[in-house]
Amino acid sequence: MTSLSYLCIVSFCAATALVGRASVITVTTADNLSDPNDGVTSLVEALNSAQAGDTIGFNISGVGPHRIVTPLGGYPFIVVDGLTLDGYSQPGASPNTQPFDRSNTAHLQIILDSSGEDLAESSYPDRPDLIARRSTRMVFEDGSDIPGYGDSENGILAALSARNLVVRGMSFLARHTAGNKADPSIYGVALARGAVGARIQGCWFGLHPDGASVQGFRSSVAAFRYRTNLGGELVERFSGGLIFGTDGDGHDDRAEANSSMGA
């Protein structure tokens, strides 16, 4: 971590006008290495094609839960506004219906799995030391640090200046790492460089859908301060407006509850 952490949890998320017609992109395979022309859609393909306001849904055949292994090098950064990733769209999934003082009854069918310890060569031409892991490096394309983060930090899902991201109904699994450049710390959702207004709801972090197996990691959600130069003066900016769990509006509050373990 290269700067002070701020996680602002608020009860209001400003709406963003989205240009164009939103689409639903349906992930139909858990194989992120599938060929683009094979007639199925992976999560990597869905994230690469997503536009502002789109929803990424899931309809993977077979008995769940479905484990989607993060590719080496991680997923592409989420850079479009108003993107929703809806794990509850997978057949068989359902949200929690119990009060917060009782056991969470959500049935999650989508697992984002970054627990693998394997590695590959760096994809950054000038930074061969940034070896690829099964999560996304919090660096720019040239290997330089994203302000607020450093090269010892990775995200499973990472948003870069994207507003109003919604993630719901998924299990995030990973592992505890050395937290260095060779084996960076892992965050479930990493909000970077003014990724404001995110809603993370109905997700289990570090907890398998079986409700018993724990595979924790550094932090469920991370959002760090960064500084930008305005007229020769350094101005602080934040990835604020995060709603983690229920927004308390009395509508689907129980379904919005998150579980976070092993962080």
C-alpha atoms as a PDB file:
ATOM      1  CA  MET A   1       0.000   0.000   0.000  1.00  0.00           C
ATOM      2  CA  THR A   2       1.502   3.312  -1.045  1.00  0.00           C
ATOM      3  CA  SER A   3      -0.851   5.733   0.627  1.00  0.00           C
ATOM      4  CA  LEU A   4      -3.548   6.125   3.257  1.00  0.00           C
ATOM      5  CA  SER A   5      -6.652   4.006   2.797  1.00  0.00           C
ATOM      6  CA  TYR A   6     -10.080   5.545   2.663  1.00  0.00           C
ATOM      7  CA  LEU A   7     -13.231   3.459   2.374  1.00  0.00           C
ATOM      8  CA  CYS A   8     -16.250   5.729   2.409  1.00  0.00           C
ATOM      9  CA  ILE A   9     -19.464   3.778   2.994  1.00  0.00           C
ATOM     10  CA  VAL A  10     -22.473   5.911   2.234  1.00  0.00           C
ATOM     11  CA  SER A  11     -26.188   5.471   1.679  1.00  0.00           C
ATOM     12  CA  PHE A  12     -26.422   7.326  -1.585  1.00  0.00           C
ATOM     13  CA  CYS A  13     -24.900   6.656  -4.981  1.00  0.00           C
ATOM     14  CA  ALA A  14     -25.130   9.365  -7.602  1.00  0.00           C
ATOM     15  CA  ALA A  15     -26.700   8.236 -10.860  1.00  0.00           C
ATOM     16  CA  THR A  16     -24.665   8.551 -14.013  1.00  0.00           C
ATOM     17  CA  ALA A  17     -26.156   9.252 -17.420  1.00  0.00           C
ATOM     18  CA  LEU A  18     -25.037   6.480 -19.725  1.00  0.00           C
ATOM     19  CA  VAL A  19     -24.818   6.995 -23.438  1.00  0.00           C
ATOM     20  CA  GLY A  20     -26.231   4.354 -25.758  1.00  0.00           C
ATOM     21  CA  ARG A  21     -28.315   1.265 -25.153  1.00  0.00           C
ATOM     22  CA  ALA A  22     -27.184  -1.055 -22.377  1.00  0.00           C
ATOM     23  CA  SER A  23     -26.742  -4.736 -23.188  1.00  0.00           C
ATOM     24  CA  VAL A  24     -26.651  -7.985 -21.248  1.00  0.00           C
ATOM     25  CA  ILE A  25     -23.536 -10.044 -21.921  1.00  0.00           C
ATOM     26  CA  THR A  26     -23.976 -13.614 -20.724  1.00  0.00           C
ATOM     27  CA  VAL A  27     -21.011 -15.690 -19.591  1.00  0.00           C
ATOM     28  CA  THR A  28     -21.648 -19.272 -20.691  1.00  0.00           C
ATOM     29  CA  THR A  29     -18.348 -20.988 -19.818  1.00  0.00           C
ATOM     30  CA  ALA A  30     -16.102 -21.088 -16.765  1.00  0.00           C
ATOM     31  CA  ASP A  31     -13.084 -21.535 -19.049  1.00  0.00           C
ATOM     32  CA  ASN A  32     -11.304 -18.191 -19.402  1.00  0.00           C
ATOM     33  CA  LEU A  33      -9.001 -19.734 -22.016  1.00  0.00           C
ATOM     34  CA  SER A  34     -11.831 -20.511 -24.423  1.00  0.00           C
ATOM     35  CA  ASP A  35     -11.414 -19.489 -28.051  1.00  0.00           C
ATOM     36  CA  PRO A  36     -13.289 -16.297 -29.070  1.00  0.00           C
ATOM     37  CA  ASN A  37     -14.837 -18.168 -31.997  1.00  0.00           C
ATOM     38  CA  ASP A  38     -15.987 -21.281 -30.139  1.00  0.00           C
ATOM     39  CA  GLY A  39     -19.583 -20.135 -29.599  1.00  0.00           C
ATOM     40  CA  VAL A  40     -19.308 -19.621 -25.836  1.00  0.00           C
ATOM     41  CA  THR A  41     -18.479 -16.521 -23.819  1.00  0.00           C
ATOM     42  CA  SER A  42     -15.955 -16.398 -20.986  1.00  0.00           C
ATOM     43  CA  LEU A  43     -15.713 -13.765 -18.269  1.00  0.00           C
ATOM     44  CA  VAL A  44     -12.534 -12.433 -19.899  1.00  0.00           C
ATOM     45  CA  GLU A  45     -14.400 -11.986 -23.179  1.00  0.00           C
ATOM     46  CA  ALA A  46     -17.342 -10.356 -21.427  1.00  0.00           C
ATOM     47  CA  LEU A  47     -15.143  -7.839 -19.615  1.00  0.00           C
ATOM     48  CA  ASN A  48     -13.251  -7.031 -22.809  1.00  0.00           C
ATOM     49  CA  SER A  49     -16.452  -6.304 -24.727  1.00  0.00           C
ATOM     50  CA  ALA A  50     -18.471  -4.550 -22.012  1.00  0.00           C
ATOM     51  CA  GLN A  51     -19.665  -0.993 -22.643  1.00  0.00           C
ATOM     52  CA  ALA A  52     -21.030   1.658 -20.284  1.00  0.00           C
ATOM     53  CA  GLY A  53     -24.240   0.544 -18.601  1.00  0.00           C
ATOM     54  CA  ASP A  54     -23.942  -3.111 -19.593  1.00  0.00           C
ATOM     55  CA  THR A  55     -24.719  -6.061 -17.353  1.00  0.00           C
ATOM     56  CA  ILE A  56     -22.579  -9.187 -17.292  1.00  0.00           C
ATOM     57  CA  GLY A  57     -24.787 -12.131 -16.411  1.00  0.00           C
ATOM     58  CA  PHE A  58     -24.098 -15.861 -16.114  1.00  0.00           C
ATOM     59  CA  ASN A  59     -25.684 -18.984 -17.582  1.00  0.00           C
ATOM     60  CA  ILE A  60     -23.090 -21.727 -17.299  1.00  0.00           C
ATOM     61  CA  SER A  61     -24.432 -25.211 -17.904  1.00  0.00           C
ATOM     62  CA  GLY A  62     -24.063 -28.047 -15.420  1.00  0.00           C
ATOM     63  CA  VAL A  63     -24.323 -28.351 -11.677  1.00  0.00           C
ATOM     64  CA  GLY A  64     -22.862 -25.448  -9.710  1.00  0.00           C
ATOM     65  CA  PRO A  65     -21.235 -23.774  -8.030  1.00  0.00           C
ATOM     66  CA  HIS A  66     -19.058 -22.899 -11.012  1.00  0.00           C
ATOM     67  CA  ARG A  67     -15.428 -22.062 -10.298  1.00  0.00           C
ATOM     68  CA  ILE A  68     -14.033 -19.469 -12.713  1.00  0.00           C
ATOM     69  CA  VAL A  69     -10.259 -19.480 -12.365  1.00  0.00           C
ATOM     70  CA  THR A  70      -8.676 -16.077 -12.864  1.00  0.00           C
ATOM     71  CA  PRO A  71      -6.296 -16.186 -15.835  1.00  0.00           C
ATOM     72  CA  LEU A  72      -2.582 -15.618 -15.303  1.00  0.00           C
ATOM     73  CA  GLY A  73      -2.108 -11.861 -15.474  1.00  0.00           C
ATOM     74  CA  GLY A  74      -5.643 -11.240 -14.255  1.00  0.00           C
ATOM     75  CA  TYR A  75      -8.700  -9.707 -15.862  1.00  0.00           C
ATOM     76  CA  PRO A  76      -8.696  -6.477 -17.877  1.00  0.00           C
ATOM     77  CA  PHE A  77      -9.308  -3.317 -15.867  1.00  0.00           C
ATOM     78  CA  ILE A  78     -12.936  -2.254 -15.636  1.00  0.00           C
ATOM     79  CA  VAL A  79     -12.916   1.223 -17.186  1.00  0.00           C
ATOM     80  CA  VAL A  80     -16.531   1.750 -18.268  1.00  0.00           C
ATOM     81  CA  ASP A  81     -19.169   3.422 -16.103  1.00  0.00           C
ATOM     82  CA  GLY A  82     -22.266   1.686 -14.766  1.00  0.00           C
ATOM     83  CA  LEU A  83     -21.132  -1.896 -15.328  1.00  0.00           C
ATOM     84  CA  THR A  84     -22.960  -4.604 -13.355  1.00  0.00           C
ATOM     85  CA  LEU A  85     -21.638  -8.113 -12.699  1.00  0.00           C
ATOM     86  CA  ASP A  86     -24.602 -10.161 -11.485  1.00  0.00           C
ATOM     87  CA  GLY A  87     -23.770 -13.576 -10.038  1.00  0.00           C
ATOM     88  CA  TYR A  88     -27.406 -14.036  -9.042  1.00  0.00           C
ATOM     89  CA  SER A  89     -28.312 -14.358 -12.720  1.00  0.00           C
ATOM     90  CA  GLN A  90     -26.742 -17.843 -12.748  1.00  0.00           C
ATOM     91  CA  PRO A  91     -29.492 -20.514 -12.549  1.00  0.00           C
ATOM     92  CA  GLY A  92     -29.694 -21.967  -9.049  1.00  0.00           C
ATOM     93  CA  ALA A  93     -28.389 -18.836  -7.329  1.00  0.00           C
ATOM     94  CA  SER A  94     -30.474 -17.019  -4.748  1.00  0.00           C
ATOM     95  CA  PRO A  95     -29.834 -14.227  -2.215  1.00  0.00           C
ATOM     96  CA  ASN A  96     -29.944 -14.246   1.552  1.00  0.00           C
ATOM     97  CA  THR A  97     -33.429 -13.969   3.058  1.00  0.00           C
ATOM     98  CA  GLN A  98     -32.603 -14.118   6.767  1.00  0.00           C
ATOM     99  CA  PRO A  99     -32.157 -11.265   9.279  1.00  0.00           C
ATOM    100  CA  PHE A 100     -28.577 -10.203   9.914  1.00  0.00           C
ATOM    101  CA  ASP A 101     -28.434 -11.975  13.282  1.00  0.00           C
ATOM    102  CA  ARG A 102     -29.083 -15.363  11.628  1.00  0.00           C
ATOM    103  CA  SER A 103     -27.115 -17.564   9.262  1.00  0.00           C
ATOM    104  CA  ASN A 104     -26.768 -16.196   5.746  1.00  0.00           C
ATOM    105  CA  THR A 105     -28.901 -18.354   3.416  1.00  0.00           C
ATOM    106  CA  ALA A 106     -27.578 -17.129   0.066  1.00  0.00           C
ATOM    107  CA  HIS A 107     -26.905 -19.808  -2.551  1.00  0.00           C
ATOM    108  CA  LEU A 108     -23.996 -18.585  -4.645  1.00  0.00           C
ATOM    109  CA  GLN A 109     -23.208 -20.333  -7.919  1.00  0.00           C
ATOM    110  CA  ILE A 110     -20.314 -18.256  -9.261  1.00  0.00           C
ATOM    111  CA  ILE A 111     -16.824 -18.418  -7.727  1.00  0.00           C
ATOM    112  CA  LEU A 112     -14.019 -16.089  -8.814  1.00  0.00           C
ATOM    113  CA  ASP A 113     -10.943 -18.087  -7.869  1.00  0.00           C
ATOM    114  CA  SER A 114      -7.511 -16.437  -7.552  1.00  0.00           C
ATOM    115  CA  SER A 115      -6.051 -19.020  -5.187  1.00  0.00           C
ATOM    116  CA  GLY A 116      -3.512 -20.517  -7.595  1.00  0.00           C
ATOM    117  CA  GLU A 117       0.175 -20.068  -6.787  1.00  0.00           C
ATOM    118  CA  ASP A 118       1.419 -20.601 -10.349  1.00  0.00           C
ATOM    119  CA  LEU A 119       3.074 -17.817 -12.328  1.00  0.00           C
ATOM    120  CA  ALA A 120       4.093 -16.763 -15.827  1.00  0.00           C
ATOM    121  CA  GLU A 121       6.429 -14.276 -17.469  1.00  0.00           C
ATOM    122  CA  SER A 122       5.672 -10.582 -17.150  1.00  0.00           C
ATOM    123  CA  SER A 123       3.474  -8.980 -19.802  1.00  0.00           C
ATOM    124  CA  TYR A 124       5.168  -5.597 -19.270  1.00  0.00           C
ATOM    125  CA  PRO A 125       8.070  -5.266 -21.764  1.00  0.00           C
ATOM    126  CA  ASP A 126      10.113  -2.922 -19.574  1.00  0.00           C
ATOM    127  CA  ARG A 127       9.302  -4.668 -16.282  1.00  0.00           C
ATOM    128  CA  PRO A 128      10.283  -8.347 -16.483  1.00  0.00           C
ATOM    129  CA  ASP A 129      10.247  -8.404 -12.676  1.00  0.00           C
ATOM    130  CA  LEU A 130       6.446  -8.059 -12.662  1.00  0.00           C
ATOM    131  CA  ILE A 131       5.687 -11.731 -13.109  1.00  0.00           C
ATOM    132  CA  ALA A 132       2.092 -12.688 -13.847  1.00  0.00           C
ATOM    133  CA  ARG A 133      -0.103 -14.065 -11.090  1.00  0.00           C
ATOM    134  CA  ARG A 134      -3.772 -15.066 -11.041  1.00  0.00           C
ATOM    135  CA  SER A 135      -4.913 -11.530 -10.271  1.00  0.00           C
ATOM    136  CA  THR A 136      -4.577  -8.094 -11.862  1.00  0.00           C
ATOM    137  CA  ARG A 137      -1.475  -5.961 -11.218  1.00  0.00           C
ATOM    138  CA  MET A 138      -2.377  -2.496 -10.001  1.00  0.00           C
ATOM    139  CA  VAL A 139      -0.052  -0.867 -12.528  1.00  0.00           C
ATOM    140  CA  PHE A 140      -0.454   0.910 -15.852  1.00  0.00           C
ATOM    141  CA  GLU A 141       0.360  -0.700 -19.222  1.00  0.00           C
ATOM    142  CA  ASP A 142       3.986   0.440 -18.969  1.00  0.00           C
ATOM    143  CA  GLY A 143       4.367  -1.143 -15.533  1.00  0.00           C
ATOM    144  CA  SER A 144       4.300   2.130 -13.605  1.00  0.00           C
ATOM    145  CA  ASP A 145       2.306   2.342 -10.361  1.00  0.00           C
ATOM    146  CA  ILE A 146      -1.321   3.391 -10.396  1.00  0.00           C
ATOM    147  CA  PRO A 147      -1.447   6.285  -7.885  1.00  0.00           C
ATOM    148  CA  GLY A 148      -2.450   5.004  -4.464  1.00  0.00           C
ATOM    149  CA  TYR A 149      -1.346   1.477  -5.308  1.00  0.00           C
ATOM    150  CA  GLY A 150       1.973  -0.148  -6.038  1.00  0.00           C
ATOM    151  CA  ASP A 151       3.475  -3.135  -7.790  1.00  0.00           C
ATOM    152  CA  SER A 152       3.011  -5.284  -4.676  1.00  0.00           C
ATOM    153  CA  GLU A 153      -0.800  -5.098  -4.897  1.00  0.00           C
ATOM    154  CA  ASN A 154      -3.224  -7.014  -7.102  1.00  0.00           C
ATOM    155  CA  GLY A 155      -7.001  -7.171  -7.515  1.00  0.00           C
ATOM    156  CA  ILE A 156      -9.319  -9.976  -8.576  1.00  0.00           C
ATOM    157  CA  LEU A 157     -11.676  -7.399 -10.088  1.00  0.00           C
ATOM    158  CA  ALA A 158     -10.070  -3.995 -10.560  1.00  0.00           C
ATOM    159  CA  ALA A 159     -11.851  -0.787 -11.563  1.00  0.00           C
ATOM    160  CA  LEU A 160      -9.814   2.103 -12.968  1.00  0.00           C
ATOM    161  CA  SER A 161     -11.642   5.467 -12.884  1.00  0.00           C
ATOM    162  CA  ALA A 162     -14.913   3.620 -13.527  1.00  0.00           C
ATOM    163  CA  ARG A 163     -18.014   5.024 -11.838  1.00  0.00           C
ATOM    164  CA  ASN A 164     -20.962   3.135 -10.354  1.00  0.00           C
ATOM    165  CA  LEU A 165     -19.641  -0.413 -10.647  1.00  0.00           C
ATOM    166  CA  VAL A 166     -22.059  -3.019  -9.240  1.00  0.00           C
ATOM    167  CA  VAL A 167     -20.869  -6.470  -8.153  1.00  0.00           C
ATOM    168  CA  ARG A 168     -23.323  -8.873  -6.559  1.00  0.00           C
ATOM    169  CA  GLY A 169     -23.947 -12.510  -5.825  1.00  0.00           C
ATOM    170  CA  MET A 170     -20.442 -13.952  -6.199  1.00  0.00           C
ATOM    171  CA  SER A 171     -17.893 -15.764  -4.068  1.00  0.00           C
ATOM    172  CA  PHE A 172     -14.289 -14.486  -4.121  1.00  0.00           C
ATOM    173  CA  LEU A 173     -11.554 -16.959  -3.167  1.00  0.00           C
ATOM    174  CA  ALA A 174      -7.809 -16.384  -3.122  1.00  0.00           C
ATOM    175  CA  ARG A 175      -4.881 -16.851  -0.735  1.00  0.00           C
ATOM    176  CA  HIS A 176      -2.618 -14.968   1.600  1.00  0.00           C
ATOM    177  CA  THR A 177       0.599 -13.982  -0.132  1.00  0.00           C
ATOM    178  CA  ALA A 178       3.995 -12.544   0.754  1.00  0.00           C
ATOM    179  CA  GLY A 179       2.670  -9.108  -0.210  1.00  0.00           C
ATOM    180  CA  ASN A 180       5.719  -8.227  -2.271  1.00  0.00           C
ATOM    181  CA  LYS A 181       6.454  -7.559  -5.928  1.00  0.00           C
ATOM    182  CA  ALA A 182       6.937 -11.231  -6.718  1.00  0.00           C
ATOM    183  CA  ASP A 183       3.758 -12.341  -4.943  1.00  0.00           C
ATOM    184  CA  PRO A 184       1.501  -9.293  -4.425  1.00  0.00           C
ATOM    185  CA  SER A 185      -1.271  -8.829  -1.897  1.00  0.00           C
ATOM    186  CA  ILE A 186      -4.696  -9.713  -3.290  1.00  0.00           C
ATOM    187  CA  TYR A 187      -7.845  -7.581  -2.966  1.00  0.00           C
ATOM    188  CA  GLY A 188     -11.260  -8.930  -3.972  1.00  0.00           C
ATOM    189  CA  VAL A 189     -12.329  -5.647  -5.562  1.00  0.00           C
ATOM    190  CA  ALA A 190      -9.769  -2.880  -6.095  1.00  0.00           C
ATOM    191  CA  LEU A 191     -11.075   0.635  -6.775  1.00  0.00           C
ATOM    192  CA  ALA A 192      -8.436   2.880  -8.303  1.00  0.00           C
ATOM    193  CA  ARG A 193      -7.998   6.450  -9.441  1.00  0.00           C
ATOM    194  CA  GLY A 194     -11.445   7.828  -8.710  1.00  0.00           C
ATOM    195  CA  ALA A 195     -13.518   4.671  -9.201  1.00  0.00           C
ATOM    196  CA  VAL A 196     -16.456   6.167  -7.299  1.00  0.00           C
ATOM    197  CA  GLY A 197     -19.958   5.005  -6.387  1.00  0.00           C
ATOM    198  CA  ALA A 198     -19.326   1.253  -6.378  1.00  0.00           C
ATOM    199  CA  ARG A 199     -21.906  -1.120  -4.894  1.00  0.00           C
ATOM    200  CA  ILE A 200     -20.635  -4.468  -3.608  1.00  0.00           C
ATOM    201  CA  GLN A 201     -23.618  -6.474  -2.402  1.00  0.00           C
ATOM    202  CA  GLY A 202     -24.604 -10.062  -1.701  1.00  0.00           C
ATOM    203  CA  CYS A 203     -21.042 -11.352  -2.111  1.00  0.00           C
ATOM    204  CA  TRP A 204     -18.967 -13.747  -0.022  1.00  0.00           C
ATOM    205  CA  PHE A 205     -15.303 -12.835   0.310  1.00  0.00           C
ATOM    206  CA  GLY A 206     -12.965 -15.624   1.367  1.00  0.00           C
ATOM    207  CA  LEU A 207     -15.883 -17.992   1.913  1.00  0.00           C
ATOM    208  CA  HIS A 208     -16.780 -20.846  -0.430  1.00  0.00           C
ATOM    209  CA  PRO A 209     -20.467 -21.267  -1.359  1.00  0.00           C
ATOM    210  CA  ASP A 210     -20.486 -24.400   0.802  1.00  0.00           C
ATOM    211  CA  GLY A 211     -20.542 -22.017   3.753  1.00  0.00           C
ATOM    212  CA  ALA A 212     -17.636 -23.792   5.461  1.00  0.00           C
ATOM    213  CA  SER A 213     -14.413 -23.601   3.416  1.00  0.00           C
ATOM    214  CA  VAL A 214     -12.384 -20.427   3.914  1.00  0.00           C
ATOM    215  CA  GLN A 215      -9.789 -19.192   1.409  1.00  0.00           C
ATOM    216  CA  GLY A 216      -9.042 -15.677   2.550  1.00  0.00           C
ATOM    217  CA  PHE A 217      -6.794 -12.955   1.206  1.00  0.00           C
ATOM    218  CA  ARG A 218      -5.585  -9.430   2.052  1.00  0.00           C
ATOM    219  CA  SER A 219      -8.796  -7.409   1.822  1.00  0.00           C
ATOM    220  CA  SER A 220     -12.312  -7.750   0.456  1.00  0.00           C
ATOM    221  CA  VAL A 221     -12.340  -4.244  -1.032  1.00  0.00           C
ATOM    222  CA  ALA A 222      -9.577  -1.657  -1.298  1.00  0.00           C
ATOM    223  CA  ALA A 223      -9.795   2.011  -2.281  1.00  0.00           C
ATOM    224  CA  PHE A 224      -6.847   4.345  -1.838  1.00  0.00           C
ATOM    225  CA  ARG A 225      -6.201   8.058  -1.982  1.00  0.00           C
ATOM    226  CA  TYR A 226      -4.304   9.440  -4.957  1.00  0.00           C
ATOM    227  CA  ARG A 227      -2.997  12.883  -5.863  1.00  0.00           C
ATOM    228  CA  THR A 228      -3.313  14.768  -9.130  1.00  0.00           C
ATOM    229  CA  ASN A 229      -1.651  17.968 -10.311  1.00  0.00           C
ATOM    230  CA  LEU A 230      -4.088  20.819 -10.880  1.00  0.00           C
ATOM    231  CA  GLY A 231      -2.480  24.106 -11.834  1.00  0.00           C
ATOM    232  CA  GLY A 232       0.800  23.142 -10.250  1.00  0.00           C
ATOM    233  CA  GLU A 233      -0.820  22.079  -6.981  1.00  0.00           C
ATOM    234  CA  LEU A 234      -1.221  18.505  -5.760  1.00  0.00           C
ATOM    235  CA  VAL A 235      -4.879  17.825  -5.026  1.00  0.00           C
ATOM    236  CA  GLU A 236      -6.106  14.738  -3.181  1.00  0.00           C
ATOM    237  CA  ARG A 237      -8.721  12.542  -4.820  1.00  0.00           C
ATOM    238  CA  PHE A 238     -10.576   9.505  -3.472  1.00  0.00           C
ATOM    239  CA  SER A 239     -12.519   6.459  -4.646  1.00  0.00           C
ATOM    240  CA  GLY A 240     -15.470   7.427  -2.461  1.00  0.00           C
ATOM    241  CA  GLY A 241     -19.153   6.615  -2.368  1.00  0.00           C
ATOM    242  CA  LEU A 242     -18.684   2.892  -1.822  1.00  0.00           C
ATOM    243  CA  ILE A 243     -21.660   0.889  -0.573  1.00  0.00           C
ATOM    244  CA  PHE A 244     -20.424  -2.383   0.920  1.00  0.00           C
ATOM    245  CA  GLY A 245     -23.461  -4.450   1.892  1.00  0.00           C
ATOM    246  CA  THR A 246     -26.924  -3.063   2.425  1.00  0.00           C
ATOM    247  CA  ASP A 247     -27.791   0.487   1.456  1.00  0.00           C
ATOM    248  CA  GLY A 248     -30.447   0.518   4.173  1.00  0.00           C
ATOM    249  CA  ASP A 249     -33.278   1.703   1.934  1.00  0.00           C
ATOM    250  CA  GLY A 250     -35.618  -1.060   3.092  1.00  0.00           C
ATOM    251  CA  HIS A 251     -35.616  -2.774  -0.316  1.00  0.00           C
ATOM    252  CA  ASP A 252     -33.787  -6.123  -0.565  1.00  0.00           C
ATOM    253  CA  ASP A 253     -31.597  -5.189   2.401  1.00  0.00           C
ATOM    254  CA  ARG A 254     -31.163  -8.818   3.487  1.00  0.00           C
ATOM    255  CA  ALA A 255     -30.178  -9.842  -0.051  1.00  0.00           C
ATOM    256  CA  GLU A 256     -27.507  -7.129  -0.105  1.00  0.00           C
ATOM    257  CA  ALA A 257     -25.602  -8.481   2.916  1.00  0.00           C
ATOM    258  CA  ASN A 258     -21.966  -9.436   2.294  1.00  0.00           C
ATOM    259  CA  SER A 259     -19.867 -11.979   4.184  1.00  0.00           C
ATOM    260  CA  SER A 260     -16.141 -11.387   4.609  1.00  0.00           C
ATOM    261  CA  MET A 261     -13.822 -13.989   6.142  1.00  0.00           C
ATOM    262  CA  GLY A 262     -10.098 -14.639   6.366  1.00  0.00           C
ATOM    263  CA  ALA A 263      -9.047 -11.115   5.354  1.00  0.00           C
END
